[in-house]
Amino acid sequence: MNGHCAGREPPHGHQNGYDRPRSRGPREAPALRLPTELLLRIFEFLPILFAHEIREDLVAWSVTSSCPNLMNLSLVCRGWRQAAQGILYHSVTLTRADQVDGFLRTITDRPDLAERVTAAQLGLVEHSPEWAWPADKQAALSDAFLEVLGRLPNLRNLYLRALTQGKRRDLLDLLRRPPLKCLMLKFYDSHLNLSGEKLHLTPADLYRAVAIPTLDVFELNWRPVWDGPIDYELPHGLSPSLKRLSITVNSPPGLIRVLRLVAPCVRSFNLYTEHILDPGPTGDALGALSHLRELRFDSQVSSTAGETNGWFCHVLPALQKLERLSVSDQVAQPSILKRLPASLETLEYIYWDRRPDAILAVFEEILHESQQPLTLKEFRVAVDEEAYADAVDENLVQEVTDSFAKRGVKFSVTFELAEIPYIGWCPI
């Protein structure tokens, strides 16, 4: 047998062992009718499928050069090629010197392509060859990153990675030019060594970045270390309109002032710290976030004295509009169940200890002792997966689940954190 039914000719176009695509003629390809967001998600996976590696340059300008087989795919799938033309250059990731040089040449010849870009990731990446470059070359590359930033007039989402100090001093001016909706700063942490001088930003610079009028989302995933006396005072005249804020705290005095700055507008807040925060001013600033709907407070302090940020429970009643809350065990004891605001619908408790069975038993005990009604709709406990497998009896989980169900609460044990709050790029 040759694989075909006896007495029948192979299907049209299959004589050479492969199907030849049939022409659609002048009709519009179905792919053209897909939403832009869906097309972006589909094309994100092409580097994985056709380069056999995971890349971060999602639908980047260099996608065809980094994935040689993509051109073959586009020649076969005319409809997908047509659909791709409308979204290529919408999102670019430039982390290597050759990418930056190539992109600058391209948009010099085709300025319209720069106008397409609405999302960008720019900057040095640890472990790349450029990370080990000498200081002068890193400085020149950082200036080139800023040159790219200055030539993207319609940028809405920006993720800035590490930069060193070159000749340019106009980062804040560049950030104010496009209609930025989301700004994420991941410059460098204190343990990372760059050859060049790190980009110099003062607390006042960061306050001004937070207060860019068009911003809805700001993330500071970076731990700056300043030498010498630092002025943390807020400049006058700043009026942010942020809705979502995420901060990794290395400078508690700056945190307090940022919270004061965004109190009238912020709705979602993610806070991670490895510091013991002063409960007085920090608690007052956090409690003043009267419009807050979503909050994660994750504290991972290494302290032999057993110090924690447990003062948060005294602040919680002030957050009367809070609907979704995620806290770590260093922020709240299990007794938090007794003092939740009436508005709260979802609670996540983060517990990475080696004995998750103990915390589950405590929650069930508190539930039986307290007869006050729970307004919660969902309660999640996030634990370490290996610790769970070693220590937790499934019967215990079922008992706790049933106990909460009787009080109208959906209970679950998870190994991954929920998106409380969601801090991400704005739709483009």
Protein backbone atom coordinates (compact mmCIF):
# COMPACT_ATOMS: atom_id res chain seq x y z
CA MET A 1 0.00 0.00 0.00
CA ASN A 2 1.23 3.45 -0.79
CA GLY A 3 -0.96 5.29 1.69
CA HIS A 4 -3.79 6.04 -0.80
CA CYS A 5 -6.99 4.09 -1.26
CA ALA A 6 -6.66 1.52 -4.02
CA GLY A 7 -8.10 2.64 -7.33
CA ARG A 8 -8.24 6.32 -6.36
CA GLU A 9 -6.05 9.18 -7.46
CA PRO A 10 -4.36 11.20 -4.73
CA PRO A 11 -6.11 14.47 -3.93
CA HIS A 12 -5.33 17.47 -6.11
CA GLY A 13 -2.05 19.07 -5.08
CA HIS A 14 -0.87 16.01 -3.15
CA GLN A 15 1.08 14.24 -5.89
CA ASN A 16 4.46 15.28 -4.48
CA GLY A 17 3.77 14.29 -0.90
CA TYR A 18 2.51 17.60 0.43
CA ASP A 19 -0.61 19.71 0.20
CA ARG A 20 -0.27 22.79 -1.93
CA PRO A 21 -2.17 25.72 -0.48
CA ARG A 22 -5.09 26.72 -2.64
CA SER A 23 -5.37 30.35 -3.59
CA ARG A 24 -8.06 32.35 -1.89
CA GLY A 25 -8.10 34.85 -4.70
CA PRO A 26 -8.83 38.46 -3.82
CA ARG A 27 -10.99 37.62 -0.78
CA GLU A 28 -10.05 38.99 2.62
CA ALA A 29 -8.17 36.46 4.74
CA PRO A 30 -10.03 35.48 7.94
CA ALA A 31 -6.95 36.38 9.99
CA LEU A 32 -7.42 40.02 9.03
CA ARG A 33 -10.70 40.06 10.91
CA LEU A 34 -9.14 39.00 14.22
CA PRO A 35 -8.77 41.64 16.95
CA THR A 36 -5.35 43.25 17.19
CA GLU A 37 -4.85 42.02 20.76
CA LEU A 38 -5.50 38.42 19.69
CA LEU A 39 -3.15 38.73 16.73
CA LEU A 40 -0.44 39.99 19.05
CA ARG A 41 -0.88 37.01 21.33
CA ILE A 42 -0.73 34.60 18.38
CA PHE A 43 2.40 36.14 16.92
CA GLU A 44 4.07 36.15 20.32
CA PHE A 45 4.42 32.39 19.99
CA LEU A 46 5.97 32.38 16.52
CA PRO A 47 9.52 32.82 17.87
CA ILE A 48 8.92 29.82 20.11
CA LEU A 49 7.48 27.67 17.33
CA PHE A 50 9.91 28.56 14.60
CA ALA A 51 13.14 29.46 16.39
CA HIS A 52 12.72 26.70 18.99
CA GLU A 53 13.55 29.09 21.80
CA ILE A 54 11.67 31.44 24.06
CA ARG A 55 12.35 35.07 23.31
CA GLU A 56 11.08 38.22 24.93
CA ASP A 57 10.97 40.33 21.75
CA LEU A 58 7.27 39.78 21.28
CA VAL A 59 6.28 40.72 17.75
CA ALA A 60 9.46 42.78 17.62
CA TRP A 61 10.92 44.41 14.54
CA SER A 62 13.59 41.70 14.48
CA VAL A 63 11.23 38.75 14.61
CA THR A 64 11.80 37.75 10.98
CA SER A 65 15.58 37.85 11.29
CA SER A 66 15.60 35.95 14.58
CA CYS A 67 13.19 33.31 13.23
CA PRO A 68 14.31 32.35 9.71
CA ASN A 69 11.42 29.95 9.14
CA LEU A 70 8.89 32.69 9.80
CA MET A 71 9.43 34.01 6.28
CA ASN A 72 8.65 30.57 4.86
CA LEU A 73 5.52 30.44 6.96
CA SER A 74 4.40 33.84 5.72
CA LEU A 75 4.95 32.83 2.10
CA VAL A 76 2.67 29.84 2.57
CA CYS A 77 0.10 31.53 4.79
CA ARG A 78 -0.66 34.68 2.83
CA GLY A 79 -3.53 35.58 5.13
CA TRP A 80 -1.32 35.50 8.20
CA ARG A 81 1.31 37.56 6.42
CA GLN A 82 -1.28 40.20 5.60
CA ALA A 83 -2.54 40.18 9.18
CA ALA A 84 0.99 40.55 10.53
CA GLN A 85 1.66 43.74 8.60
CA GLY A 86 -0.78 45.69 10.72
CA ILE A 87 0.76 44.74 14.05
CA LEU A 88 4.49 44.36 13.40
CA TYR A 89 6.38 47.16 15.15
CA HIS A 90 3.54 47.70 17.63
CA SER A 91 5.74 46.08 20.29
CA VAL A 92 9.55 46.12 20.33
CA THR A 93 12.16 44.75 22.69
CA LEU A 94 15.67 46.13 22.28
CA THR A 95 18.34 44.84 24.66
CA ARG A 96 21.35 44.26 22.39
CA ALA A 97 23.53 46.80 20.63
CA ASP A 98 22.93 45.37 17.15
CA GLN A 99 19.17 45.49 17.73
CA VAL A 100 19.35 49.15 18.70
CA ASP A 101 21.55 50.07 15.73
CA GLY A 102 19.33 48.18 13.31
CA PHE A 103 16.16 49.67 14.72
CA LEU A 104 17.49 53.23 14.54
CA ARG A 105 18.53 52.71 10.90
CA THR A 106 15.12 51.25 10.09
CA ILE A 107 13.06 54.06 11.60
CA THR A 108 15.35 56.65 10.02
CA ASP A 109 14.40 55.23 6.62
CA ARG A 110 10.79 54.54 7.65
CA PRO A 111 9.60 57.02 10.31
CA ASP A 112 6.09 55.62 9.93
CA LEU A 113 7.26 52.39 11.57
CA ALA A 114 8.37 54.32 14.67
CA GLU A 115 4.90 55.83 14.81
CA ARG A 116 3.42 52.33 15.03
CA VAL A 117 5.26 51.42 18.22
CA THR A 118 2.98 51.53 21.25
CA ALA A 119 4.92 49.20 23.59
CA ALA A 120 8.67 48.91 24.19
CA GLN A 121 11.20 47.21 26.45
CA LEU A 122 14.56 48.97 26.43
CA GLY A 123 17.80 48.62 28.35
CA LEU A 124 20.68 46.39 29.38
CA VAL A 125 19.98 42.83 30.47
CA GLU A 126 22.10 40.93 32.95
CA HIS A 127 24.23 38.12 31.47
CA SER A 128 24.17 39.68 27.99
CA PRO A 129 27.56 40.52 26.40
CA GLU A 130 26.76 44.23 26.71
CA TRP A 131 26.42 43.86 30.48
CA ALA A 132 30.18 43.24 30.68
CA TRP A 133 31.15 45.99 28.26
CA PRO A 134 33.54 48.73 29.43
CA ALA A 135 32.00 51.87 30.89
CA ASP A 136 32.34 54.07 27.79
CA LYS A 137 30.60 51.55 25.52
CA GLN A 138 27.80 51.00 28.03
CA ALA A 139 27.29 54.75 28.29
CA ALA A 140 27.09 55.11 24.51
CA LEU A 141 24.58 52.26 24.29
CA SER A 142 22.47 53.79 27.06
CA ASP A 143 22.39 57.05 25.11
CA ALA A 144 21.26 55.05 22.08
CA PHE A 145 18.41 53.55 24.12
CA LEU A 146 17.33 57.08 25.02
CA GLU A 147 17.59 58.07 21.36
CA VAL A 148 15.12 55.28 20.54
CA LEU A 149 12.81 56.42 23.32
CA GLY A 150 12.80 59.95 21.94
CA ARG A 151 11.71 58.74 18.51
CA LEU A 152 8.60 56.79 19.55
CA PRO A 153 5.86 59.45 19.53
CA ASN A 154 2.93 57.11 20.21
CA LEU A 155 4.42 54.99 23.01
CA ARG A 156 1.88 53.90 25.63
CA ASN A 157 3.70 51.11 27.50
CA LEU A 158 7.38 51.32 28.49
CA TYR A 159 9.54 48.86 30.42
CA LEU A 160 12.95 50.40 31.14
CA ARG A 161 15.76 48.06 32.12
CA ALA A 162 19.25 48.97 33.34
CA LEU A 163 20.89 52.08 31.91
CA THR A 164 24.21 53.71 32.73
CA GLN A 165 24.99 57.40 32.72
CA GLY A 166 26.10 58.67 29.32
CA LYS A 167 26.07 62.17 27.88
CA ARG A 168 22.30 62.55 27.92
CA ARG A 169 20.46 63.93 30.93
CA ASP A 170 16.97 64.17 29.43
CA LEU A 171 15.26 60.94 30.54
CA LEU A 172 12.39 62.69 32.31
CA ASP A 173 11.79 64.99 29.35
CA LEU A 174 11.66 61.97 27.06
CA LEU A 175 9.17 60.23 29.34
CA ARG A 176 6.82 63.22 29.20
CA ARG A 177 6.65 63.38 25.40
CA PRO A 178 4.61 60.31 24.37
CA PRO A 179 1.11 59.50 25.68
CA LEU A 180 2.51 57.00 28.21
CA LYS A 181 -0.10 54.97 30.08
CA CYS A 182 2.19 52.42 31.74
CA LEU A 183 5.77 52.96 32.97
CA MET A 184 7.77 50.14 34.56
CA LEU A 185 11.27 50.83 35.90
CA LYS A 186 13.52 47.82 36.42
CA PHE A 187 16.91 49.51 36.38
CA TYR A 188 19.23 47.47 38.60
CA ASP A 189 19.35 46.17 42.12
CA SER A 190 22.09 46.97 44.61
CA HIS A 191 23.79 43.60 44.13
CA LEU A 192 24.20 44.00 40.37
CA ASN A 193 27.50 45.33 39.10
CA LEU A 194 27.62 47.44 35.96
CA SER A 195 30.88 48.63 34.43
CA GLY A 196 29.61 52.16 33.92
CA GLU A 197 28.22 54.74 36.32
CA LYS A 198 24.61 53.95 37.16
CA LEU A 199 21.97 56.32 35.90
CA HIS A 200 21.58 59.07 38.44
CA LEU A 201 17.98 59.64 39.51
CA THR A 202 17.01 61.46 42.69
CA PRO A 203 13.87 60.77 44.73
CA ALA A 204 12.42 63.96 43.21
CA ASP A 205 12.97 62.50 39.72
CA LEU A 206 11.00 59.41 40.69
CA TYR A 207 8.18 61.50 42.16
CA ARG A 208 7.99 63.43 38.88
CA ALA A 209 7.88 60.15 36.94
CA VAL A 210 4.99 58.94 39.11
CA ALA A 211 3.20 62.21 38.40
CA ILE A 212 3.40 62.09 34.59
CA PRO A 213 -0.16 63.23 33.79
CA THR A 214 -1.02 60.51 31.27
CA LEU A 215 0.12 57.56 33.43
CA ASP A 216 -2.39 54.99 34.69
CA VAL A 217 0.19 52.38 35.79
CA PHE A 218 3.58 52.84 37.46
CA GLU A 219 5.88 50.07 38.67
CA LEU A 220 9.15 50.62 40.53
CA ASN A 221 10.73 47.17 40.56
CA TRP A 222 14.14 48.46 41.50
CA ARG A 223 16.03 49.06 44.72
CA PRO A 224 17.95 52.32 44.44
CA VAL A 225 20.78 53.04 46.84
CA TRP A 226 21.75 56.68 47.28
CA ASP A 227 25.03 57.81 48.80
CA GLY A 228 25.21 60.71 51.22
CA PRO A 229 22.37 62.92 52.48
CA ILE A 230 19.28 62.65 50.29
CA ASP A 231 16.39 65.08 49.96
CA TYR A 232 13.18 63.04 50.02
CA GLU A 233 10.79 66.00 50.00
CA LEU A 234 8.07 66.17 47.38
CA PRO A 235 8.40 68.88 44.73
CA HIS A 236 5.50 71.31 44.55
CA GLY A 237 2.80 71.15 41.92
CA LEU A 238 2.70 67.39 41.26
CA SER A 239 -0.74 65.96 40.50
CA PRO A 240 -0.66 62.29 39.39
CA SER A 241 -3.62 60.40 37.97
CA LEU A 242 -2.32 56.86 38.60
CA LYS A 243 -4.79 54.03 39.03
CA ARG A 244 -2.31 51.16 39.59
CA LEU A 245 0.96 51.33 41.53
CA SER A 246 3.60 48.70 42.33
CA ILE A 247 6.68 49.38 44.48
CA THR A 248 9.58 47.26 45.69
CA VAL A 249 10.74 49.21 48.74
CA ASN A 250 14.38 49.89 49.41
CA SER A 251 13.86 53.46 50.59
CA PRO A 252 11.04 53.71 53.16
CA PRO A 253 11.15 57.55 53.38
CA GLY A 254 10.48 57.74 49.66
CA LEU A 255 7.62 55.24 49.94
CA ILE A 256 5.76 57.39 52.45
CA ARG A 257 5.91 60.41 50.16
CA VAL A 258 4.84 58.43 47.10
CA LEU A 259 1.80 57.16 49.01
CA ARG A 260 0.90 60.70 50.03
CA LEU A 261 1.27 61.79 46.42
CA VAL A 262 -1.03 59.13 44.94
CA ALA A 263 -3.60 58.93 47.75
CA PRO A 264 -6.30 60.86 45.84
CA CYS A 265 -6.18 58.62 42.78
CA VAL A 266 -4.68 55.13 43.23
CA ARG A 267 -7.06 52.15 43.12
CA SER A 268 -4.65 49.17 43.05
CA PHE A 269 -1.40 48.88 44.99
CA ASN A 270 1.28 46.19 45.18
CA LEU A 271 3.92 46.59 47.91
CA TYR A 272 6.94 44.32 48.43
CA THR A 273 9.52 45.00 51.11
CA GLU A 274 12.38 43.36 52.97
CA HIS A 275 12.47 46.21 55.50
CA ILE A 276 10.73 46.81 58.79
CA LEU A 277 8.64 49.85 57.96
CA ASP A 278 7.89 52.51 60.57
CA PRO A 279 4.29 51.76 61.60
CA GLY A 280 3.51 55.39 62.41
CA PRO A 281 4.12 57.36 59.20
CA THR A 282 3.88 54.33 56.91
CA GLY A 283 0.64 53.17 58.50
CA ASP A 284 -0.83 56.66 58.25
CA ALA A 285 0.14 56.96 54.59
CA LEU A 286 -1.22 53.50 53.76
CA GLY A 287 -4.44 54.07 55.68
CA ALA A 288 -5.01 57.29 53.73
CA LEU A 289 -5.44 55.35 50.46
CA SER A 290 -9.19 55.70 50.82
CA HIS A 291 -10.00 54.80 47.19
CA LEU A 292 -8.04 51.53 47.25
CA ARG A 293 -9.86 48.51 45.76
CA GLU A 294 -6.96 46.03 45.48
CA LEU A 295 -3.88 45.57 47.67
CA ARG A 296 -1.00 43.14 48.05
CA PHE A 297 1.38 43.69 50.96
CA ASP A 298 4.18 41.12 50.83
CA SER A 299 6.86 41.41 53.52
CA GLN A 300 9.85 39.06 53.54
CA VAL A 301 12.11 40.42 56.28
CA SER A 302 15.18 38.44 57.35
CA SER A 303 15.31 39.14 61.07
CA THR A 304 16.69 37.01 63.88
CA ALA A 305 14.72 39.16 66.33
CA GLY A 306 11.44 38.07 64.79
CA GLU A 307 10.48 41.58 63.69
CA THR A 308 7.61 41.85 61.23
CA ASN A 309 5.31 44.40 59.64
CA GLY A 310 2.37 43.08 61.63
CA TRP A 311 1.17 46.62 62.34
CA PHE A 312 -0.79 46.44 59.08
CA CYS A 313 -3.81 44.84 60.77
CA HIS A 314 -4.38 48.08 62.69
CA VAL A 315 -4.51 49.97 59.37
CA LEU A 316 -6.82 47.55 57.58
CA PRO A 317 -10.15 48.85 58.99
CA ALA A 318 -9.44 52.25 57.41
CA LEU A 319 -9.51 50.74 53.91
CA GLN A 320 -13.29 50.75 53.66
CA LYS A 321 -13.48 50.24 49.87
CA LEU A 322 -11.02 47.35 49.66
CA GLU A 323 -12.39 44.42 47.64
CA ARG A 324 -9.34 42.18 47.03
CA LEU A 325 -6.47 41.73 49.49
CA SER A 326 -3.29 39.62 49.45
CA VAL A 327 -1.03 39.57 52.53
CA SER A 328 1.97 37.53 53.64
CA ASP A 329 2.26 35.98 57.09
CA GLN A 330 4.76 38.70 58.13
CA VAL A 331 2.07 41.30 57.53
CA ALA A 332 -0.95 39.65 59.14
CA GLN A 333 -1.59 36.90 61.65
CA PRO A 334 -4.34 34.37 60.86
CA SER A 335 -6.60 36.41 63.16
CA ILE A 336 -6.94 38.84 60.26
CA LEU A 337 -10.10 36.87 59.51
CA LYS A 338 -11.73 38.62 62.46
CA ARG A 339 -11.08 42.19 61.32
CA LEU A 340 -11.73 42.32 57.60
CA PRO A 341 -13.52 45.36 56.16
CA ALA A 342 -17.09 44.63 55.12
CA SER A 343 -16.28 45.52 51.51
CA LEU A 344 -13.69 42.71 51.13
CA GLU A 345 -14.65 39.91 48.74
CA THR A 346 -11.36 38.05 48.14
CA LEU A 347 -8.53 37.35 50.59
CA GLU A 348 -5.23 35.67 49.77
CA TYR A 349 -2.87 34.62 52.57
CA ILE A 350 0.77 33.97 51.56
CA TYR A 351 2.56 31.38 53.69
CA TRP A 352 5.87 29.93 52.45
CA ASP A 353 6.74 28.16 55.73
CA ARG A 354 7.60 24.45 55.76
CA ARG A 355 4.49 23.59 57.79
CA PRO A 356 1.43 24.70 55.81
CA ASP A 357 -0.64 22.10 57.67
CA ALA A 358 -0.23 24.16 60.84
CA ILE A 359 -1.60 27.34 59.30
CA LEU A 360 -4.57 25.51 57.80
CA ALA A 361 -5.44 24.09 61.21
CA VAL A 362 -5.21 27.57 62.75
CA PHE A 363 -7.61 29.01 60.19
CA GLU A 364 -10.14 26.28 60.87
CA GLU A 365 -9.83 26.83 64.62
CA ILE A 366 -10.41 30.58 64.22
CA LEU A 367 -13.43 29.89 62.07
CA HIS A 368 -14.99 27.64 64.72
CA GLU A 369 -14.23 30.08 67.56
CA SER A 370 -15.61 33.16 65.84
CA GLN A 371 -19.31 33.32 65.10
CA GLN A 372 -19.23 36.72 63.43
CA PRO A 373 -20.44 36.64 59.81
CA LEU A 374 -17.90 36.58 57.00
CA THR A 375 -18.59 38.84 54.04
CA LEU A 376 -15.81 37.15 52.08
CA LYS A 377 -16.67 35.31 48.88
CA GLU A 378 -13.27 33.67 48.37
CA PHE A 379 -10.31 32.80 50.61
CA ARG A 380 -7.06 31.49 49.11
CA VAL A 381 -3.99 30.27 50.98
CA ALA A 382 -0.81 30.26 48.87
CA VAL A 383 1.77 27.74 50.11
CA ASP A 384 4.99 26.09 48.98
CA GLU A 385 4.19 23.11 46.78
CA GLU A 386 6.92 20.83 48.17
CA ALA A 387 6.04 21.70 51.75
CA TYR A 388 2.40 20.97 50.97
CA ALA A 389 3.25 17.55 49.55
CA ASP A 390 5.38 16.72 52.60
CA ALA A 391 3.12 17.96 55.37
CA VAL A 392 -0.52 18.34 54.36
CA ASP A 393 -3.18 15.66 54.62
CA GLU A 394 -5.85 16.05 51.94
CA ASN A 395 -8.49 15.23 54.54
CA LEU A 396 -7.47 18.34 56.47
CA VAL A 397 -7.86 20.47 53.35
CA GLN A 398 -11.31 19.01 52.76
CA GLU A 399 -12.34 19.72 56.34
CA VAL A 400 -11.22 23.34 56.09
CA THR A 401 -12.90 23.70 52.71
CA ASP A 402 -16.17 22.36 54.10
CA SER A 403 -15.98 24.61 57.16
CA PHE A 404 -15.62 27.72 55.03
CA ALA A 405 -18.31 26.54 52.62
CA LYS A 406 -20.77 26.43 55.51
CA ARG A 407 -20.02 30.13 56.05
CA GLY A 408 -20.54 30.90 52.36
CA VAL A 409 -16.84 31.24 51.51
CA LYS A 410 -15.04 29.44 48.68
CA PHE A 411 -11.75 28.12 50.10
CA SER A 412 -8.72 26.86 48.17
CA VAL A 413 -5.02 26.09 48.63
CA THR A 414 -2.82 27.30 45.77
CA PHE A 415 0.85 27.17 44.83
CA GLU A 416 0.90 30.37 42.79
CA LEU A 417 -0.11 33.89 43.71
CA ALA A 418 -3.23 35.38 42.25
CA GLU A 419 -3.08 38.61 40.29
CA ILE A 420 -4.00 40.74 43.28
CA PRO A 421 -3.70 43.36 42.08
CA TYR A 422 -3.24 43.11 38.35
CA ILE A 423 -0.30 45.31 37.40
CA GLY A 424 0.31 45.07 33.67
CA TRP A 425 0.52 46.85 30.36
CA CYS A 426 -2.44 48.83 29.12
CA PRO A 427 -4.25 47.61 25.97
CA ILE A 428 -2.69 48.97 22.80
